[in-house]
Amino acid sequence: MLSAAEGILLSIATVEAGLGVLGNTFIVLVNCMDWAKNNKLSKIGFFLIGLATSRIFIVCLLTLGAYGKLFYPNKYLSNSLVEIISYIWLTVNHLTVWFATSLSIFYFLKIATFSDCIFLWLKRRTDKVFVFLMGCLLTSWVISFSFVVKLMKDNKVNHRNRTSEMYWETKKFPINYVLINIGVISLFMMTLTASFLLIISLWRHSRQMQSGFSGFRDLNAEAHVKAMKFLISFIILFVLYFVGVAIEIICTFIPENKLLFIFGFATASVYPCCHSFILILTNSQLKQAFVKILQGLKFSEKGKDLRAT
């Protein structure tokens, strides 16, 4: 049984997960409808569909994992199920981080203004940059997958005393965690670098805009400030996602601390939930579709009220 605090926190995390699925499903549907309408899929549409789809799977895995560990620990922690979930999680997590990285670099190369020769060289070769990122994804996934397979085989072959095994697992955990996620960590660092550089570029440009006095320049400066706020919120949410996942993994060694585990679940779920709605509100196409849905809901409610009277 869960305590009151654990039950409340689990309810909050579940609501976050549900909103995350709804928000990301909306992003996928809008971009797929635009793809079908124009018979053409833009790069930004491809990245948004991929990011939203992978995040739907991430939310489902986080939710199923949390409820399985809390209410069905014996069945969930069976070796065969843990192995299957580990492989699925590894693949989906790589895709989620890769799409977020690609989207960040896409915006960086498209919006940022630097006179550095390296940046200009990359900006002229955007397609090659994404081919390089695809190579990074495949390489990191193969390395991580092979390492997980090795760990799973070692766990099956090893029949030592459970207490001693847990001691060594805990001792080796930081090393194993870094080795398994070395590719994801590299992509994460690329995302942070691109986001910070874009923030610097937007900040410089907004300062230049604020030095003018025309209304047009003021509007541009305001748009740049909003973009910086969006990027900063994305960085914070992305970091929280990694922190939450790390907390959940650490709780494998302290299964009695359910409150900390649920806190990790809630922290990790904030990113796919909040960032999906930030994307909806900052992307003109998504925002327009969202407003139409809200207007349609209001119109249907008014119609019901009129029929009732």
C-alpha atoms as a PDB file:
ATOM      1  CA  MET A   1       0.000   0.000   0.000  1.00  0.00           C
ATOM      2  CA  LEU A   2       1.107   3.524  -0.732  1.00  0.00           C
ATOM      3  CA  SER A   3       1.190   6.295   1.832  1.00  0.00           C
ATOM      4  CA  ALA A   4      -0.817   9.517   1.351  1.00  0.00           C
ATOM      5  CA  ALA A   5       2.233  11.432   0.114  1.00  0.00           C
ATOM      6  CA  GLU A   6       3.172   8.623  -2.281  1.00  0.00           C
ATOM      7  CA  GLY A   7      -0.401   8.405  -3.608  1.00  0.00           C
ATOM      8  CA  ILE A   8      -0.641  12.164  -4.218  1.00  0.00           C
ATOM      9  CA  LEU A   9       2.749  12.297  -5.967  1.00  0.00           C
ATOM     10  CA  LEU A  10       1.869   9.263  -8.085  1.00  0.00           C
ATOM     11  CA  SER A  11      -1.416  10.934  -9.107  1.00  0.00           C
ATOM     12  CA  ILE A  12       0.483  14.084 -10.142  1.00  0.00           C
ATOM     13  CA  ALA A  13       2.988  12.024 -12.134  1.00  0.00           C
ATOM     14  CA  THR A  14       0.171  10.094 -13.834  1.00  0.00           C
ATOM     15  CA  VAL A  15      -1.580  13.334 -14.843  1.00  0.00           C
ATOM     16  CA  GLU A  16       1.739  14.609 -16.249  1.00  0.00           C
ATOM     17  CA  ALA A  17       2.144  11.397 -18.234  1.00  0.00           C
ATOM     18  CA  GLY A  18      -1.421  11.602 -19.580  1.00  0.00           C
ATOM     19  CA  LEU A  19      -1.001  15.221 -20.650  1.00  0.00           C
ATOM     20  CA  GLY A  20       2.337  14.310 -22.237  1.00  0.00           C
ATOM     21  CA  VAL A  21       0.678  11.616 -24.364  1.00  0.00           C
ATOM     22  CA  LEU A  22      -2.132  13.994 -25.396  1.00  0.00           C
ATOM     23  CA  GLY A  23       0.210  16.878 -26.248  1.00  0.00           C
ATOM     24  CA  ASN A  24       2.623  14.761 -28.274  1.00  0.00           C
ATOM     25  CA  THR A  25      -0.218  12.931 -30.044  1.00  0.00           C
ATOM     26  CA  PHE A  26      -1.607  16.321 -31.080  1.00  0.00           C
ATOM     27  CA  ILE A  27       1.805  17.320 -32.504  1.00  0.00           C
ATOM     28  CA  VAL A  28       2.002  14.073 -34.501  1.00  0.00           C
ATOM     29  CA  LEU A  29      -1.535  14.393 -35.876  1.00  0.00           C
ATOM     30  CA  VAL A  30      -1.157  18.045 -36.963  1.00  0.00           C
ATOM     31  CA  ASN A  31       2.136  17.420 -38.752  1.00  0.00           C
ATOM     32  CA  CYS A  32       0.885  14.194 -40.378  1.00  0.00           C
ATOM     33  CA  MET A  33      -2.243  15.991 -41.632  1.00  0.00           C
ATOM     34  CA  ASP A  34      -0.054  18.776 -43.051  1.00  0.00           C
ATOM     35  CA  TRP A  35       2.149  16.127 -44.689  1.00  0.00           C
ATOM     36  CA  ALA A  36      -0.891  14.451 -46.275  1.00  0.00           C
ATOM     37  CA  LYS A  37      -2.306  17.804 -47.393  1.00  0.00           C
ATOM     38  CA  ASN A  38       0.872  19.097 -49.069  1.00  0.00           C
ATOM     39  CA  ASN A  39       2.329  15.706 -50.103  1.00  0.00           C
ATOM     40  CA  LYS A  40       5.593  16.963 -48.657  1.00  0.00           C
ATOM     41  CA  LEU A  41       7.250  16.629 -45.264  1.00  0.00           C
ATOM     42  CA  SER A  42       9.553  19.435 -44.165  1.00  0.00           C
ATOM     43  CA  LYS A  43      12.599  18.872 -41.987  1.00  0.00           C
ATOM     44  CA  ILE A  44      10.972  20.576 -39.041  1.00  0.00           C
ATOM     45  CA  GLY A  45       7.870  18.405 -39.538  1.00  0.00           C
ATOM     46  CA  PHE A  46      10.001  15.251 -39.651  1.00  0.00           C
ATOM     47  CA  PHE A  47      11.818  16.153 -36.442  1.00  0.00           C
ATOM     48  CA  LEU A  48       8.599  17.106 -34.647  1.00  0.00           C
ATOM     49  CA  ILE A  49       6.851  13.874 -35.654  1.00  0.00           C
ATOM     50  CA  GLY A  50       9.853  11.787 -34.637  1.00  0.00           C
ATOM     51  CA  LEU A  51      10.343  13.619 -31.335  1.00  0.00           C
ATOM     52  CA  ALA A  52       6.656  13.485 -30.387  1.00  0.00           C
ATOM     53  CA  THR A  53       6.275   9.811 -31.366  1.00  0.00           C
ATOM     54  CA  SER A  54       9.352   8.717 -29.425  1.00  0.00           C
ATOM     55  CA  ARG A  55       8.199  10.730 -26.410  1.00  0.00           C
ATOM     56  CA  ILE A  56       4.816   8.981 -26.454  1.00  0.00           C
ATOM     57  CA  PHE A  57       6.653   5.658 -26.150  1.00  0.00           C
ATOM     58  CA  ILE A  58       8.915   7.107 -23.451  1.00  0.00           C
ATOM     59  CA  VAL A  59       5.916   8.230 -21.393  1.00  0.00           C
ATOM     60  CA  CYS A  60       4.254   4.820 -21.785  1.00  0.00           C
ATOM     61  CA  LEU A  61       7.444   3.015 -20.727  1.00  0.00           C
ATOM     62  CA  LEU A  62       7.924   5.325 -17.739  1.00  0.00           C
ATOM     63  CA  THR A  63       4.312   4.851 -16.632  1.00  0.00           C
ATOM     64  CA  LEU A  64       4.237   1.070 -17.104  1.00  0.00           C
ATOM     65  CA  GLY A  65       7.611   0.766 -15.397  1.00  0.00           C
ATOM     66  CA  ALA A  66       6.506   2.867 -12.434  1.00  0.00           C
ATOM     67  CA  TYR A  67       3.216   1.026 -11.882  1.00  0.00           C
ATOM     68  CA  GLY A  68       4.879  -2.349 -12.458  1.00  0.00           C
ATOM     69  CA  LYS A  69       7.593  -1.731  -9.863  1.00  0.00           C
ATOM     70  CA  LEU A  70       5.141  -0.291  -7.333  1.00  0.00           C
ATOM     71  CA  PHE A  71       2.267  -2.779  -7.584  1.00  0.00           C
ATOM     72  CA  TYR A  72       3.691  -5.899  -9.283  1.00  0.00           C
ATOM     73  CA  PRO A  73       7.373  -5.956  -8.259  1.00  0.00           C
ATOM     74  CA  ASN A  74       7.806  -9.756  -8.439  1.00  0.00           C
ATOM     75  CA  LYS A  75       6.446 -10.047 -11.978  1.00  0.00           C
ATOM     76  CA  TYR A  76       8.047  -6.841 -13.234  1.00  0.00           C
ATOM     77  CA  LEU A  77      11.526  -7.692 -11.970  1.00  0.00           C
ATOM     78  CA  SER A  78      11.662 -11.101 -13.680  1.00  0.00           C
ATOM     79  CA  ASN A  79      14.821 -11.485 -15.753  1.00  0.00           C
ATOM     80  CA  SER A  80      13.068 -11.987 -19.107  1.00  0.00           C
ATOM     81  CA  LEU A  81      10.809  -8.939 -18.721  1.00  0.00           C
ATOM     82  CA  VAL A  82      13.665  -6.721 -17.508  1.00  0.00           C
ATOM     83  CA  GLU A  83      15.716  -7.767 -20.548  1.00  0.00           C
ATOM     84  CA  ILE A  84      12.935  -6.959 -23.035  1.00  0.00           C
ATOM     85  CA  ILE A  85      12.152  -3.600 -21.393  1.00  0.00           C
ATOM     86  CA  SER A  86      15.869  -2.707 -21.291  1.00  0.00           C
ATOM     87  CA  TYR A  87      16.245  -3.210 -25.051  1.00  0.00           C
ATOM     88  CA  ILE A  88      13.073  -1.248 -25.867  1.00  0.00           C
ATOM     89  CA  TRP A  89      14.002   1.568 -23.473  1.00  0.00           C
ATOM     90  CA  LEU A  90      17.524   1.790 -24.887  1.00  0.00           C
ATOM     91  CA  THR A  91      16.231   2.189 -28.446  1.00  0.00           C
ATOM     92  CA  VAL A  92      13.413   4.646 -27.668  1.00  0.00           C
ATOM     93  CA  ASN A  93      15.575   6.752 -25.346  1.00  0.00           C
ATOM     94  CA  HIS A  94      18.269   7.053 -28.024  1.00  0.00           C
ATOM     95  CA  LEU A  95      15.659   8.166 -30.567  1.00  0.00           C
ATOM     96  CA  THR A  96      14.114  10.701 -28.190  1.00  0.00           C
ATOM     97  CA  VAL A  97      17.438  12.344 -27.405  1.00  0.00           C
ATOM     98  CA  TRP A  98      18.545  12.198 -31.051  1.00  0.00           C
ATOM     99  CA  PHE A  99      15.411  13.956 -32.319  1.00  0.00           C
ATOM    100  CA  ALA A 100      15.744  16.602 -29.586  1.00  0.00           C
ATOM    101  CA  THR A 101      19.392  17.106 -30.553  1.00  0.00           C
ATOM    102  CA  SER A 102      18.597  17.331 -34.263  1.00  0.00           C
ATOM    103  CA  LEU A 103      15.795  19.822 -33.626  1.00  0.00           C
ATOM    104  CA  SER A 104      18.079  21.977 -31.478  1.00  0.00           C
ATOM    105  CA  ILE A 105      20.860  21.968 -34.085  1.00  0.00           C
ATOM    106  CA  PHE A 106      18.328  22.661 -36.861  1.00  0.00           C
ATOM    107  CA  TYR A 107      17.074  25.773 -35.052  1.00  0.00           C
ATOM    108  CA  PHE A 108      20.643  26.790 -34.213  1.00  0.00           C
ATOM    109  CA  LEU A 109      21.833  26.637 -37.838  1.00  0.00           C
ATOM    110  CA  LYS A 110      18.663  28.306 -39.119  1.00  0.00           C
ATOM    111  CA  ILE A 111      18.286  31.160 -36.612  1.00  0.00           C
ATOM    112  CA  ALA A 112      21.704  31.892 -35.104  1.00  0.00           C
ATOM    113  CA  THR A 113      23.900  34.602 -36.607  1.00  0.00           C
ATOM    114  CA  PHE A 114      27.637  34.135 -36.128  1.00  0.00           C
ATOM    115  CA  SER A 115      30.445  35.344 -38.356  1.00  0.00           C
ATOM    116  CA  ASP A 116      32.692  32.434 -37.378  1.00  0.00           C
ATOM    117  CA  CYS A 117      33.949  30.498 -40.423  1.00  0.00           C
ATOM    118  CA  ILE A 118      33.134  27.113 -38.852  1.00  0.00           C
ATOM    119  CA  PHE A 119      29.515  28.124 -38.212  1.00  0.00           C
ATOM    120  CA  LEU A 120      29.137  29.462 -41.772  1.00  0.00           C
ATOM    121  CA  TRP A 121      30.648  26.250 -43.145  1.00  0.00           C
ATOM    122  CA  LEU A 122      28.151  24.150 -41.129  1.00  0.00           C
ATOM    123  CA  LYS A 123      25.228  26.377 -42.132  1.00  0.00           C
ATOM    124  CA  ARG A 124      25.971  25.772 -45.818  1.00  0.00           C
ATOM    125  CA  ARG A 125      26.141  22.011 -45.225  1.00  0.00           C
ATOM    126  CA  THR A 126      23.033  21.348 -43.137  1.00  0.00           C
ATOM    127  CA  ASP A 127      22.262  18.046 -44.867  1.00  0.00           C
ATOM    128  CA  LYS A 128      25.746  16.716 -44.122  1.00  0.00           C
ATOM    129  CA  VAL A 129      25.372  17.738 -40.481  1.00  0.00           C
ATOM    130  CA  PHE A 130      22.286  15.559 -40.128  1.00  0.00           C
ATOM    131  CA  VAL A 131      23.978  12.671 -41.912  1.00  0.00           C
ATOM    132  CA  PHE A 132      26.729  12.983 -39.295  1.00  0.00           C
ATOM    133  CA  LEU A 133      24.102  13.027 -36.515  1.00  0.00           C
ATOM    134  CA  MET A 134      22.490   9.897 -37.979  1.00  0.00           C
ATOM    135  CA  GLY A 135      25.887   8.208 -37.910  1.00  0.00           C
ATOM    136  CA  CYS A 136      26.318   9.246 -34.268  1.00  0.00           C
ATOM    137  CA  LEU A 137      22.904   7.767 -33.439  1.00  0.00           C
ATOM    138  CA  LEU A 138      23.626   4.408 -35.074  1.00  0.00           C
ATOM    139  CA  THR A 139      27.130   4.167 -33.604  1.00  0.00           C
ATOM    140  CA  SER A 140      26.039   5.047 -30.063  1.00  0.00           C
ATOM    141  CA  TRP A 141      23.045   2.682 -30.237  1.00  0.00           C
ATOM    142  CA  VAL A 142      25.189  -0.252 -31.436  1.00  0.00           C
ATOM    143  CA  ILE A 143      27.771   0.356 -28.683  1.00  0.00           C
ATOM    144  CA  SER A 144      25.121   0.718 -25.965  1.00  0.00           C
ATOM    145  CA  PHE A 145      23.078  -2.251 -27.226  1.00  0.00           C
ATOM    146  CA  SER A 146      26.107  -4.556 -27.320  1.00  0.00           C
ATOM    147  CA  PHE A 147      27.089  -3.467 -23.809  1.00  0.00           C
ATOM    148  CA  VAL A 148      23.566  -4.155 -22.474  1.00  0.00           C
ATOM    149  CA  VAL A 149      23.563  -7.588 -24.139  1.00  0.00           C
ATOM    150  CA  LYS A 150      26.869  -8.368 -22.416  1.00  0.00           C
ATOM    151  CA  LEU A 151      25.513  -7.280 -19.028  1.00  0.00           C
ATOM    152  CA  MET A 152      22.386  -9.395 -19.472  1.00  0.00           C
ATOM    153  CA  LYS A 153      24.458 -12.468 -20.359  1.00  0.00           C
ATOM    154  CA  ASP A 154      26.745 -11.908 -17.371  1.00  0.00           C
ATOM    155  CA  ASN A 155      23.721 -11.674 -15.048  1.00  0.00           C
ATOM    156  CA  LYS A 156      22.345 -14.967 -16.394  1.00  0.00           C
ATOM    157  CA  VAL A 157      25.664 -16.819 -16.109  1.00  0.00           C
ATOM    158  CA  ASN A 158      26.599 -15.404 -12.709  1.00  0.00           C
ATOM    159  CA  HIS A 159      25.139 -17.383  -9.770  1.00  0.00           C
ATOM    160  CA  ARG A 160      26.934 -15.781  -6.845  1.00  0.00           C
ATOM    161  CA  ASN A 161      25.402 -14.899  -3.484  1.00  0.00           C
ATOM    162  CA  ARG A 162      22.699 -12.254  -3.964  1.00  0.00           C
ATOM    163  CA  THR A 163      24.033  -9.933  -1.227  1.00  0.00           C
ATOM    164  CA  SER A 164      27.523  -9.951  -2.701  1.00  0.00           C
ATOM    165  CA  GLU A 165      26.076  -9.497  -6.196  1.00  0.00           C
ATOM    166  CA  MET A 166      24.073  -6.445  -5.140  1.00  0.00           C
ATOM    167  CA  TYR A 167      27.202  -4.970  -3.513  1.00  0.00           C
ATOM    168  CA  TRP A 168      29.197  -5.275  -6.715  1.00  0.00           C
ATOM    169  CA  GLU A 169      26.299  -4.068  -8.855  1.00  0.00           C
ATOM    170  CA  THR A 170      25.977  -0.969  -6.681  1.00  0.00           C
ATOM    171  CA  LYS A 171      29.722  -0.388  -6.770  1.00  0.00           C
ATOM    172  CA  LYS A 172      29.900  -0.706 -10.568  1.00  0.00           C
ATOM    173  CA  PHE A 173      26.644   1.147 -11.231  1.00  0.00           C
ATOM    174  CA  PRO A 174      28.140   4.599 -12.061  1.00  0.00           C
ATOM    175  CA  ILE A 175      30.622   3.073 -14.523  1.00  0.00           C
ATOM    176  CA  ASN A 176      28.003   0.836 -16.180  1.00  0.00           C
ATOM    177  CA  TYR A 177      25.492   3.692 -16.374  1.00  0.00           C
ATOM    178  CA  VAL A 178      27.992   5.985 -18.122  1.00  0.00           C
ATOM    179  CA  LEU A 179      29.127   3.261 -20.546  1.00  0.00           C
ATOM    180  CA  ILE A 180      25.574   2.311 -21.506  1.00  0.00           C
ATOM    181  CA  ASN A 181      24.524   5.936 -21.999  1.00  0.00           C
ATOM    182  CA  ILE A 182      27.763   7.323 -23.462  1.00  0.00           C
ATOM    183  CA  GLY A 183      26.048   7.992 -26.799  1.00  0.00           C
ATOM    184  CA  VAL A 184      22.989   9.574 -25.187  1.00  0.00           C
ATOM    185  CA  ILE A 185      25.224  11.743 -22.996  1.00  0.00           C
ATOM    186  CA  SER A 186      27.162  12.888 -26.084  1.00  0.00           C
ATOM    187  CA  LEU A 187      23.940  13.822 -27.892  1.00  0.00           C
ATOM    188  CA  PHE A 188      22.709  15.565 -24.744  1.00  0.00           C
ATOM    189  CA  MET A 189      25.886  17.666 -24.616  1.00  0.00           C
ATOM    190  CA  MET A 190      25.426  18.583 -28.301  1.00  0.00           C
ATOM    191  CA  THR A 191      21.883  19.737 -27.480  1.00  0.00           C
ATOM    192  CA  LEU A 192      23.051  21.896 -24.593  1.00  0.00           C
ATOM    193  CA  THR A 193      25.872  23.390 -26.675  1.00  0.00           C
ATOM    194  CA  ALA A 194      23.587  24.261 -29.611  1.00  0.00           C
ATOM    195  CA  SER A 195      20.937  25.704 -27.273  1.00  0.00           C
ATOM    196  CA  PHE A 196      23.408  27.844 -25.323  1.00  0.00           C
ATOM    197  CA  LEU A 197      25.008  29.170 -28.516  1.00  0.00           C
ATOM    198  CA  LEU A 198      21.576  30.016 -29.908  1.00  0.00           C
ATOM    199  CA  ILE A 199      20.678  31.821 -26.669  1.00  0.00           C
ATOM    200  CA  ILE A 200      23.900  33.864 -26.938  1.00  0.00           C
ATOM    201  CA  SER A 201      23.104  34.724 -30.573  1.00  0.00           C
ATOM    202  CA  LEU A 202      19.524  35.737 -29.737  1.00  0.00           C
ATOM    203  CA  TRP A 203      20.687  37.777 -26.736  1.00  0.00           C
ATOM    204  CA  ARG A 204      23.202  39.705 -28.859  1.00  0.00           C
ATOM    205  CA  HIS A 205      20.616  40.310 -31.549  1.00  0.00           C
ATOM    206  CA  SER A 206      17.980  41.481 -29.054  1.00  0.00           C
ATOM    207  CA  ARG A 207      20.486  43.927 -27.545  1.00  0.00           C
ATOM    208  CA  GLN A 208      21.118  45.347 -30.999  1.00  0.00           C
ATOM    209  CA  MET A 209      17.371  45.599 -31.628  1.00  0.00           C
ATOM    210  CA  GLN A 210      16.759  47.371 -28.322  1.00  0.00           C
ATOM    211  CA  SER A 211      19.234  50.064 -29.301  1.00  0.00           C
ATOM    212  CA  GLY A 212      16.754  51.159 -31.996  1.00  0.00           C
ATOM    213  CA  PHE A 213      13.544  53.105 -31.415  1.00  0.00           C
ATOM    214  CA  SER A 214      11.156  51.841 -34.062  1.00  0.00           C
ATOM    215  CA  GLY A 215       8.168  49.698 -33.155  1.00  0.00           C
ATOM    216  CA  PHE A 216       9.272  47.067 -35.666  1.00  0.00           C
ATOM    217  CA  ARG A 217      12.583  46.643 -33.871  1.00  0.00           C
ATOM    218  CA  ASP A 218      10.823  46.479 -30.511  1.00  0.00           C
ATOM    219  CA  LEU A 219       8.602  43.666 -31.773  1.00  0.00           C
ATOM    220  CA  ASN A 220      11.633  41.792 -33.077  1.00  0.00           C
ATOM    221  CA  ALA A 221      13.424  42.204 -29.757  1.00  0.00           C
ATOM    222  CA  GLU A 222      10.361  40.887 -27.916  1.00  0.00           C
ATOM    223  CA  ALA A 223      10.234  37.854 -30.223  1.00  0.00           C
ATOM    224  CA  HIS A 224      13.907  37.133 -29.513  1.00  0.00           C
ATOM    225  CA  VAL A 225      13.330  37.366 -25.759  1.00  0.00           C
ATOM    226  CA  LYS A 226      10.449  34.884 -26.049  1.00  0.00           C
ATOM    227  CA  ALA A 227      12.685  32.534 -28.045  1.00  0.00           C
ATOM    228  CA  MET A 228      15.358  32.730 -25.345  1.00  0.00           C
ATOM    229  CA  LYS A 229      12.790  31.920 -22.650  1.00  0.00           C
ATOM    230  CA  PHE A 230      11.639  28.929 -24.706  1.00  0.00           C
ATOM    231  CA  LEU A 231      15.199  27.642 -25.057  1.00  0.00           C
ATOM    232  CA  ILE A 232      15.977  28.091 -21.366  1.00  0.00           C
ATOM    233  CA  SER A 233      12.793  26.235 -20.398  1.00  0.00           C
ATOM    234  CA  PHE A 234      13.709  23.443 -22.835  1.00  0.00           C
ATOM    235  CA  ILE A 235      17.171  23.076 -21.273  1.00  0.00           C
ATOM    236  CA  ILE A 236      15.715  22.954 -17.748  1.00  0.00           C
ATOM    237  CA  LEU A 237      13.086  20.368 -18.717  1.00  0.00           C
ATOM    238  CA  PHE A 238      15.630  18.251 -20.613  1.00  0.00           C
ATOM    239  CA  VAL A 239      17.963  18.219 -17.594  1.00  0.00           C
ATOM    240  CA  LEU A 240      15.045  17.298 -15.311  1.00  0.00           C
ATOM    241  CA  TYR A 241      14.256  14.346 -17.587  1.00  0.00           C
ATOM    242  CA  PHE A 242      17.767  12.935 -17.180  1.00  0.00           C
ATOM    243  CA  VAL A 243      17.727  13.574 -13.428  1.00  0.00           C
ATOM    244  CA  GLY A 244      14.362  11.800 -13.074  1.00  0.00           C
ATOM    245  CA  VAL A 245      15.507   8.756 -15.061  1.00  0.00           C
ATOM    246  CA  ALA A 246      18.728   8.586 -13.002  1.00  0.00           C
ATOM    247  CA  ILE A 247      16.689   8.685  -9.762  1.00  0.00           C
ATOM    248  CA  GLU A 248      14.481   5.825 -10.972  1.00  0.00           C
ATOM    249  CA  ILE A 249      17.524   3.717 -11.833  1.00  0.00           C
ATOM    250  CA  ILE A 250      19.213   4.472  -8.496  1.00  0.00           C
ATOM    251  CA  CYS A 251      16.015   3.381  -6.702  1.00  0.00           C
ATOM    252  CA  THR A 252      16.633  -0.129  -8.097  1.00  0.00           C
ATOM    253  CA  PHE A 253      19.134  -0.500  -5.256  1.00  0.00           C
ATOM    254  CA  ILE A 254      16.788   0.958  -2.634  1.00  0.00           C
ATOM    255  CA  PRO A 255      13.377  -0.535  -3.555  1.00  0.00           C
ATOM    256  CA  GLU A 256      11.942   0.265  -0.135  1.00  0.00           C
ATOM    257  CA  ASN A 257      12.093   4.019  -0.859  1.00  0.00           C
ATOM    258  CA  LYS A 258       8.928   4.283  -2.960  1.00  0.00           C
ATOM    259  CA  LEU A 259       8.537   8.034  -2.450  1.00  0.00           C
ATOM    260  CA  LEU A 260      11.929   8.769  -4.043  1.00  0.00           C
ATOM    261  CA  PHE A 261      11.124   6.443  -6.941  1.00  0.00           C
ATOM    262  CA  ILE A 262       7.763   8.157  -7.583  1.00  0.00           C
ATOM    263  CA  PHE A 263       9.510  11.533  -7.356  1.00  0.00           C
ATOM    264  CA  GLY A 264      11.885  10.348 -10.104  1.00  0.00           C
ATOM    265  CA  PHE A 265       8.895   9.248 -12.205  1.00  0.00           C
ATOM    266  CA  ALA A 266       7.218  12.648 -11.722  1.00  0.00           C
ATOM    267  CA  THR A 267      10.443  14.537 -12.513  1.00  0.00           C
ATOM    268  CA  ALA A 268      11.103  12.551 -15.701  1.00  0.00           C
ATOM    269  CA  SER A 269       7.483  12.991 -16.876  1.00  0.00           C
ATOM    270  CA  VAL A 270       7.668  16.796 -16.673  1.00  0.00           C
ATOM    271  CA  TYR A 271       9.781  17.039 -19.851  1.00  0.00           C
ATOM    272  CA  PRO A 272       7.522  15.200 -22.359  1.00  0.00           C
ATOM    273  CA  CYS A 273       4.451  16.856 -20.820  1.00  0.00           C
ATOM    274  CA  CYS A 274       5.478  20.518 -20.534  1.00  0.00           C
ATOM    275  CA  HIS A 275       7.748  20.699 -23.564  1.00  0.00           C
ATOM    276  CA  SER A 276       5.033  19.374 -25.883  1.00  0.00           C
ATOM    277  CA  PHE A 277       2.727  22.240 -24.881  1.00  0.00           C
ATOM    278  CA  ILE A 278       5.579  24.750 -25.132  1.00  0.00           C
ATOM    279  CA  LEU A 279       6.115  23.565 -28.707  1.00  0.00           C
ATOM    280  CA  ILE A 280       2.395  23.918 -29.423  1.00  0.00           C
ATOM    281  CA  LEU A 281       2.296  27.478 -28.090  1.00  0.00           C
ATOM    282  CA  THR A 282       5.496  28.618 -29.850  1.00  0.00           C
ATOM    283  CA  ASN A 283       4.954  26.938 -33.244  1.00  0.00           C
ATOM    284  CA  SER A 284       2.530  28.977 -35.374  1.00  0.00           C
ATOM    285  CA  GLN A 285       1.081  25.968 -37.197  1.00  0.00           C
ATOM    286  CA  LEU A 286       0.530  23.955 -34.019  1.00  0.00           C
ATOM    287  CA  LYS A 287      -0.826  26.973 -32.157  1.00  0.00           C
ATOM    288  CA  GLN A 288      -3.313  27.756 -34.924  1.00  0.00           C
ATOM    289  CA  ALA A 289      -4.597  24.164 -34.938  1.00  0.00           C
ATOM    290  CA  PHE A 290      -4.837  24.182 -31.128  1.00  0.00           C
ATOM    291  CA  VAL A 291      -6.841  27.438 -31.152  1.00  0.00           C
ATOM    292  CA  LYS A 292      -9.229  25.987 -33.758  1.00  0.00           C
ATOM    293  CA  ILE A 293      -9.860  22.971 -31.532  1.00  0.00           C
ATOM    294  CA  LEU A 294     -10.546  25.198 -28.522  1.00  0.00           C
ATOM    295  CA  GLN A 295     -12.902  27.359 -30.573  1.00  0.00           C
ATOM    296  CA  GLY A 296     -14.688  24.246 -31.809  1.00  0.00           C
ATOM    297  CA  LEU A 297     -15.117  22.993 -28.233  1.00  0.00           C
ATOM    298  CA  LYS A 298     -16.513  26.376 -27.123  1.00  0.00           C
ATOM    299  CA  PHE A 299     -18.903  26.444 -30.084  1.00  0.00           C
ATOM    300  CA  SER A 300     -20.189  22.935 -29.316  1.00  0.00           C
ATOM    301  CA  GLU A 301     -20.697  23.857 -25.648  1.00  0.00           C
ATOM    302  CA  LYS A 302     -22.670  26.970 -26.641  1.00  0.00           C
ATOM    303  CA  GLY A 303     -24.780  24.837 -28.978  1.00  0.00           C
ATOM    304  CA  LYS A 304     -25.582  22.421 -26.156  1.00  0.00           C
ATOM    305  CA  ASP A 305     -26.537  25.311 -23.854  1.00  0.00           C
ATOM    306  CA  LEU A 306     -28.865  26.776 -26.514  1.00  0.00           C
ATOM    307  CA  ARG A 307     -30.553  23.418 -27.090  1.00  0.00           C
ATOM    308  CA  ALA A 308     -30.957  22.975 -23.338  1.00  0.00           C
ATOM    309  CA  THR A 309     -32.723  26.365 -23.018  1.00  0.00           C
END
